Amino acid sequence: MEILTWAFLGGVFGSALMDITETIAAMRGITSWVNVQWVCPSPAIICSED
């Protein structure tokens, strides 16, 4: 059980760090080329490129 707790906390910390670094990069004009249209609103919905 302890390994699952550490894995969960590592995932939360990693995603927060990723958001912080991407925000700083965006403020400096560096983008990740991810478009909002490419992100599905839900995994149950199949995205199309319409």
PDB file of N, CA and C in Angstrom:
ATOM      1  N   MET A   1       0.826  -1.206   0.000  1.00  0.00           N
ATOM      2  CA  MET A   1       0.000   0.000   0.000  1.00  0.00           C
ATOM      3  C   MET A   1       0.860   1.256   0.000  1.00  0.00           C
ATOM      4  N   GLU A   2       1.992   1.185   0.682  1.00  0.00           N
ATOM      5  CA  GLU A   2       2.850   2.360   0.757  1.00  0.00           C
ATOM      6  C   GLU A   2       3.378   2.774  -0.620  1.00  0.00           C
ATOM      7  N   ILE A   3       3.701   1.806  -1.472  1.00  0.00           N
ATOM      8  CA  ILE A   3       4.209   2.133  -2.800  1.00  0.00           C
ATOM      9  C   ILE A   3       3.147   2.843  -3.634  1.00  0.00           C
ATOM     10  N   LEU A   4       1.890   2.467  -3.458  1.00  0.00           N
ATOM     11  CA  LEU A   4       0.815   3.141  -4.188  1.00  0.00           C
ATOM     12  C   LEU A   4       0.656   4.585  -3.733  1.00  0.00           C
ATOM     13  N   THR A   5       0.832   4.804  -2.437  1.00  0.00           N
ATOM     14  CA  THR A   5       0.752   6.170  -1.906  1.00  0.00           C
ATOM     15  C   THR A   5       1.861   7.033  -2.485  1.00  0.00           C
ATOM     16  N   TRP A   6       3.086   6.499  -2.510  1.00  0.00           N
ATOM     17  CA  TRP A   6       4.213   7.266  -3.065  1.00  0.00           C
ATOM     18  C   TRP A   6       4.037   7.506  -4.556  1.00  0.00           C
ATOM     19  N   ALA A   7       3.516   6.518  -5.265  1.00  0.00           N
ATOM     20  CA  ALA A   7       3.283   6.683  -6.696  1.00  0.00           C
ATOM     21  C   ALA A   7       2.228   7.760  -6.954  1.00  0.00           C
ATOM     22  N   PHE A   8       1.176   7.758  -6.144  1.00  0.00           N
ATOM     23  CA  PHE A   8       0.124   8.769  -6.287  1.00  0.00           C
ATOM     24  C   PHE A   8       0.680  10.167  -6.009  1.00  0.00           C
ATOM     25  N   LEU A   9       1.404  10.310  -4.907  1.00  0.00           N
ATOM     26  CA  LEU A   9       1.969  11.613  -4.558  1.00  0.00           C
ATOM     27  C   LEU A   9       2.992  12.072  -5.592  1.00  0.00           C
ATOM     28  N   GLY A  10       3.760  11.137  -6.130  1.00  0.00           N
ATOM     29  CA  GLY A  10       4.707  11.488  -7.189  1.00  0.00           C
ATOM     30  C   GLY A  10       3.998  11.973  -8.436  1.00  0.00           C
ATOM     31  N   GLY A  11       2.869  11.354  -8.777  1.00  0.00           N
ATOM     32  CA  GLY A  11       2.091  11.798  -9.930  1.00  0.00           C
ATOM     33  C   GLY A  11       1.497  13.177  -9.732  1.00  0.00           C
ATOM     34  N   VAL A  12       0.993  13.432  -8.545  1.00  0.00           N
ATOM     35  CA  VAL A  12       0.424  14.749  -8.241  1.00  0.00           C
ATOM     36  C   VAL A  12       1.518  15.811  -8.292  1.00  0.00           C
ATOM     37  N   PHE A  13       2.666  15.524  -7.676  1.00  0.00           N
ATOM     38  CA  PHE A  13       3.774  16.479  -7.676  1.00  0.00           C
ATOM     39  C   PHE A  13       4.290  16.706  -9.096  1.00  0.00           C
ATOM     40  N   GLY A  14       4.411  15.633  -9.870  1.00  0.00           N
ATOM     41  CA  GLY A  14       4.905  15.757 -11.238  1.00  0.00           C
ATOM     42  C   GLY A  14       3.977  16.570 -12.125  1.00  0.00           C
ATOM     43  N   SER A  15       2.675  16.369 -11.977  1.00  0.00           N
ATOM     44  CA  SER A  15       1.738  17.138 -12.802  1.00  0.00           C
ATOM     45  C   SER A  15       1.723  18.606 -12.404  1.00  0.00           C
ATOM     46  N   ALA A  16       1.851  18.881 -11.116  1.00  0.00           N
ATOM     47  CA  ALA A  16       1.917  20.279 -10.668  1.00  0.00           C
ATOM     48  C   ALA A  16       3.190  20.946 -11.196  1.00  0.00           C
ATOM     49  N   LEU A  17       4.307  20.230 -11.137  1.00  0.00           N
ATOM     50  CA  LEU A  17       5.563  20.774 -11.656  1.00  0.00           C
ATOM     51  C   LEU A  17       5.483  21.011 -13.154  1.00  0.00           C
ATOM     52  N   MET A  18       4.835  20.106 -13.875  1.00  0.00           N
ATOM     53  CA  MET A  18       4.669  20.275 -15.312  1.00  0.00           C
ATOM     54  C   MET A  18       3.823  21.506 -15.616  1.00  0.00           C
ATOM     55  N   ASP A  19       2.736  21.721 -14.877  1.00  0.00           N
ATOM     56  CA  ASP A  19       1.894  22.896 -15.089  1.00  0.00           C
ATOM     57  C   ASP A  19       2.669  24.182 -14.823  1.00  0.00           C
ATOM     58  N   ILE A  20       3.467  24.188 -13.757  1.00  0.00           N
ATOM     59  CA  ILE A  20       4.241  25.380 -13.411  1.00  0.00           C
ATOM     60  C   ILE A  20       5.265  25.699 -14.503  1.00  0.00           C
ATOM     61  N   THR A  21       6.002  24.673 -14.953  1.00  0.00           N
ATOM     62  CA  THR A  21       7.020  24.925 -15.971  1.00  0.00           C
ATOM     63  C   THR A  21       6.402  25.308 -17.308  1.00  0.00           C
ATOM     64  N   GLU A  22       5.255  24.731 -17.654  1.00  0.00           N
ATOM     65  CA  GLU A  22       4.610  25.107 -18.910  1.00  0.00           C
ATOM     66  C   GLU A  22       4.051  26.526 -18.833  1.00  0.00           C
ATOM     67  N   THR A  23       3.569  26.928 -17.672  1.00  0.00           N
ATOM     68  CA  THR A  23       3.089  28.304 -17.500  1.00  0.00           C
ATOM     69  C   THR A  23       4.232  29.290 -17.654  1.00  0.00           C
ATOM     70  N   ILE A  24       5.362  28.998 -17.042  1.00  0.00           N
ATOM     71  CA  ILE A  24       6.529  29.881 -17.155  1.00  0.00           C
ATOM     72  C   ILE A  24       7.008  29.945 -18.601  1.00  0.00           C
ATOM     73  N   ALA A  25       7.036  28.802 -19.274  1.00  0.00           N
ATOM     74  CA  ALA A  25       7.461  28.775 -20.675  1.00  0.00           C
ATOM     75  C   ALA A  25       6.496  29.577 -21.546  1.00  0.00           C
ATOM     76  N   ALA A  26       5.201  29.462 -21.287  1.00  0.00           N
ATOM     77  CA  ALA A  26       4.210  30.204 -22.079  1.00  0.00           C
ATOM     78  C   ALA A  26       4.358  31.705 -21.875  1.00  0.00           C
ATOM     79  N   MET A  27       4.710  32.122 -20.666  1.00  0.00           N
ATOM     80  CA  MET A  27       4.912  33.545 -20.414  1.00  0.00           C
ATOM     81  C   MET A  27       6.119  34.074 -21.193  1.00  0.00           C
ATOM     82  N   ARG A  28       7.061  33.204 -21.500  1.00  0.00           N
ATOM     83  CA  ARG A  28       8.243  33.594 -22.265  1.00  0.00           C
ATOM     84  C   ARG A  28       8.059  33.382 -23.759  1.00  0.00           C
ATOM     85  N   GLY A  29       6.872  32.948 -24.154  1.00  0.00           N
ATOM     86  CA  GLY A  29       6.571  32.797 -25.567  1.00  0.00           C
ATOM     87  C   GLY A  29       6.835  31.412 -26.119  1.00  0.00           C
ATOM     88  N   ILE A  30       7.182  30.458 -25.271  1.00  0.00           N
ATOM     89  CA  ILE A  30       7.425  29.094 -25.712  1.00  0.00           C
ATOM     90  C   ILE A  30       6.137  28.303 -25.512  1.00  0.00           C
ATOM     91  N   THR A  31       5.612  27.753 -26.596  1.00  0.00           N
ATOM     92  CA  THR A  31       4.372  27.000 -26.493  1.00  0.00           C
ATOM     93  C   THR A  31       4.631  25.524 -26.749  1.00  0.00           C
ATOM     94  N   SER A  32       3.695  24.692 -26.336  1.00  0.00           N
ATOM     95  CA  SER A  32       3.830  23.244 -26.509  1.00  0.00           C
ATOM     96  C   SER A  32       3.154  22.761 -27.790  1.00  0.00           C
ATOM     97  N   TRP A  33       2.573  23.658 -28.567  1.00  0.00           N
ATOM     98  CA  TRP A  33       1.881  23.356 -29.812  1.00  0.00           C
ATOM     99  C   TRP A  33       0.659  22.472 -29.589  1.00  0.00           C
ATOM    100  N   VAL A  34       0.123  22.441 -28.372  1.00  0.00           N
ATOM    101  CA  VAL A  34      -1.100  21.691 -28.093  1.00  0.00           C
ATOM    102  C   VAL A  34      -2.277  22.627 -28.291  1.00  0.00           C
ATOM    103  N   ASN A  35      -3.200  22.228 -29.120  1.00  0.00           N
ATOM    104  CA  ASN A  35      -4.377  23.026 -29.409  1.00  0.00           C
ATOM    105  C   ASN A  35      -5.542  22.491 -28.566  1.00  0.00           C
ATOM    106  N   VAL A  36      -6.380  23.387 -28.090  1.00  0.00           N
ATOM    107  CA  VAL A  36      -7.522  22.974 -27.271  1.00  0.00           C
ATOM    108  C   VAL A  36      -8.434  22.037 -28.055  1.00  0.00           C
ATOM    109  N   GLN A  37      -8.504  22.199 -29.349  1.00  0.00           N
ATOM    110  CA  GLN A  37      -9.360  21.346 -30.174  1.00  0.00           C
ATOM    111  C   GLN A  37      -8.882  19.901 -30.174  1.00  0.00           C
ATOM    112  N   TRP A  38      -7.619  19.669 -29.882  1.00  0.00           N
ATOM    113  CA  TRP A  38      -7.067  18.314 -29.901  1.00  0.00           C
ATOM    114  C   TRP A  38      -7.350  17.552 -28.618  1.00  0.00           C
ATOM    115  N   VAL A  39      -7.833  18.224 -27.582  1.00  0.00           N
ATOM    116  CA  VAL A  39      -8.047  17.593 -26.283  1.00  0.00           C
ATOM    117  C   VAL A  39      -9.496  17.145 -26.182  1.00  0.00           C
ATOM    118  N   CYS A  40      -9.713  15.867 -25.898  1.00  0.00           N
ATOM    119  CA  CYS A  40     -11.069  15.344 -25.760  1.00  0.00           C
ATOM    120  C   CYS A  40     -11.678  15.818 -24.442  1.00  0.00           C
ATOM    121  N   PRO A  41     -12.953  16.177 -24.425  1.00  0.00           N
ATOM    122  CA  PRO A  41     -13.585  16.590 -23.178  1.00  0.00           C
ATOM    123  C   PRO A  41     -13.784  15.429 -22.213  1.00  0.00           C
ATOM    124  N   SER A  42     -13.863  14.218 -22.720  1.00  0.00           N
ATOM    125  CA  SER A  42     -14.081  13.046 -21.878  1.00  0.00           C
ATOM    126  C   SER A  42     -13.513  11.826 -22.587  1.00  0.00           C
ATOM    127  N   PRO A  43     -12.914  10.892 -21.842  1.00  0.00           N
ATOM    128  CA  PRO A  43     -12.408   9.681 -22.496  1.00  0.00           C
ATOM    129  C   PRO A  43     -13.487   8.846 -23.135  1.00  0.00           C
ATOM    130  N   ALA A  44     -14.724   9.007 -22.713  1.00  0.00           N
ATOM    131  CA  ALA A  44     -15.820   8.227 -23.272  1.00  0.00           C
ATOM    132  C   ALA A  44     -16.267   8.769 -24.622  1.00  0.00           C
ATOM    133  N   ILE A  45     -15.855   9.980 -24.952  1.00  0.00           N
ATOM    134  CA  ILE A  45     -16.259  10.611 -26.218  1.00  0.00           C
ATOM    135  C   ILE A  45     -15.133  10.436 -27.229  1.00  0.00           C
ATOM    136  N   ILE A  46     -15.470   9.974 -28.420  1.00  0.00           N
ATOM    137  CA  ILE A  46     -14.462   9.821 -29.461  1.00  0.00           C
ATOM    138  C   ILE A  46     -14.317  11.160 -30.166  1.00  0.00           C
ATOM    139  N   CYS A  47     -13.116  11.708 -30.134  1.00  0.00           N
ATOM    140  CA  CYS A  47     -12.875  13.009 -30.752  1.00  0.00           C
ATOM    141  C   CYS A  47     -12.767  12.853 -32.268  1.00  0.00           C
ATOM    142  N   SER A  48     -13.237  13.843 -32.961  1.00  0.00           N
ATOM    143  CA  SER A  48     -13.087  13.871 -34.412  1.00  0.00           C
ATOM    144  C   SER A  48     -12.436  15.183 -34.802  1.00  0.00           C
ATOM    145  N   GLU A  49     -11.922  15.242 -35.993  1.00  0.00           N
ATOM    146  CA  GLU A  49     -11.245  16.449 -36.456  1.00  0.00           C
ATOM    147  C   GLU A  49     -12.174  17.302 -37.315  1.00  0.00           C
ATOM    148  N   ASP A  50     -13.455  17.328 -37.013  1.00  0.00           N
ATOM    149  CA  ASP A  50     -14.443  18.104 -37.785  1.00  0.00           C
ATOM    150  C   ASP A  50     -14.194  19.574 -37.621  1.00  0.00           C
TER     151      ASP A  50
END
